[in-house]
Amino acid sequence: GSNLLVRDGGVRGTVIMTSGALGELSLQGDGTVRAEAGVACAKIARFSVQQGLQGGEFLAGIPGTVGGALAMNAGCHGSETWQFVTAVETIDRTGQRRVRSLKDFTVAYRKVSGPAGEWFAAGHFRFRPGQAVEGKGVIKQLLAKRGASQPTQLPNAGSVFKNPAGDFAARLIEASGLKGICEGHACVSKLHANFIVNTGDARAADIEKLIARVQAEVEMQQGVRLETEVRVIGEEKGGTADERR
């Protein structure tokens, strides 16, 4: 998953996969793009460019869906999801859907908080008018950069740590000499230090142990406590339920 690590004991409950149901994507009469929670971010990037809109190209570099991007204010290449949001649609446990405005949410770097007991069902985005040819070129450049700088050929959950103010998690990890260190088959990527890759049959427990090891070493050497961006859910094997960010 993107920015998600499920513990080895799994999740005690029902898991809903939105990509199998909430997949509508359309251009609205007011010029905004409406995308349901299960739409891949990369699909929005391509669709908006085809409609002569620009600004959403960065979404091509986010390997997740709209629901996740809204939930964590996903971003890359200097842009973030909520920069372009005009409204969202939510759903609660009873199935009631609501349209919410920006004032209903508090948005920060990789963090979004809003009405309790509601989940994102769709987002409405406003991008600026532009040229399709130019937009396609931007997407091509961003994907080439991503492929050259991130370990896309190995299983991973995306960026592990949030960038601290005024610095980069990858720089701090590399400066601490942690590139390439492993716990079992879970290793800090040699290509990009803010990624932990599965080089074989790594367990979630190995990844969690490596995360804690990196945090401790960086704090000791650099004086900075890295905060996880990846969300850890579920139960440890044979353990109890827990959830943390």
Foldseek 3Di string as FASTA:
>chain_A
DALAFEAPQGADDDDDQCLVPQADWDQDPVRKIKGWFNHQLLVVLLVCLVVQFDDSLQSVLGGGTNQQLVAFQDGDPPDTDVVFFAWFWKAAPVGDIDIGGPVQWDDDHRHIDGDPRIGTTMTIGHTHGHHSVVSVVVNVVSVVVCVQQDPPVFDWNYFWFDQPPPGGLQVLLVVLVQAFDFQVQWGQHNRTRRIIGRNDDDGSVRVVVVLVVSQVSSCVPVVDRTHTSRWYFYAHRVGDGDTDD
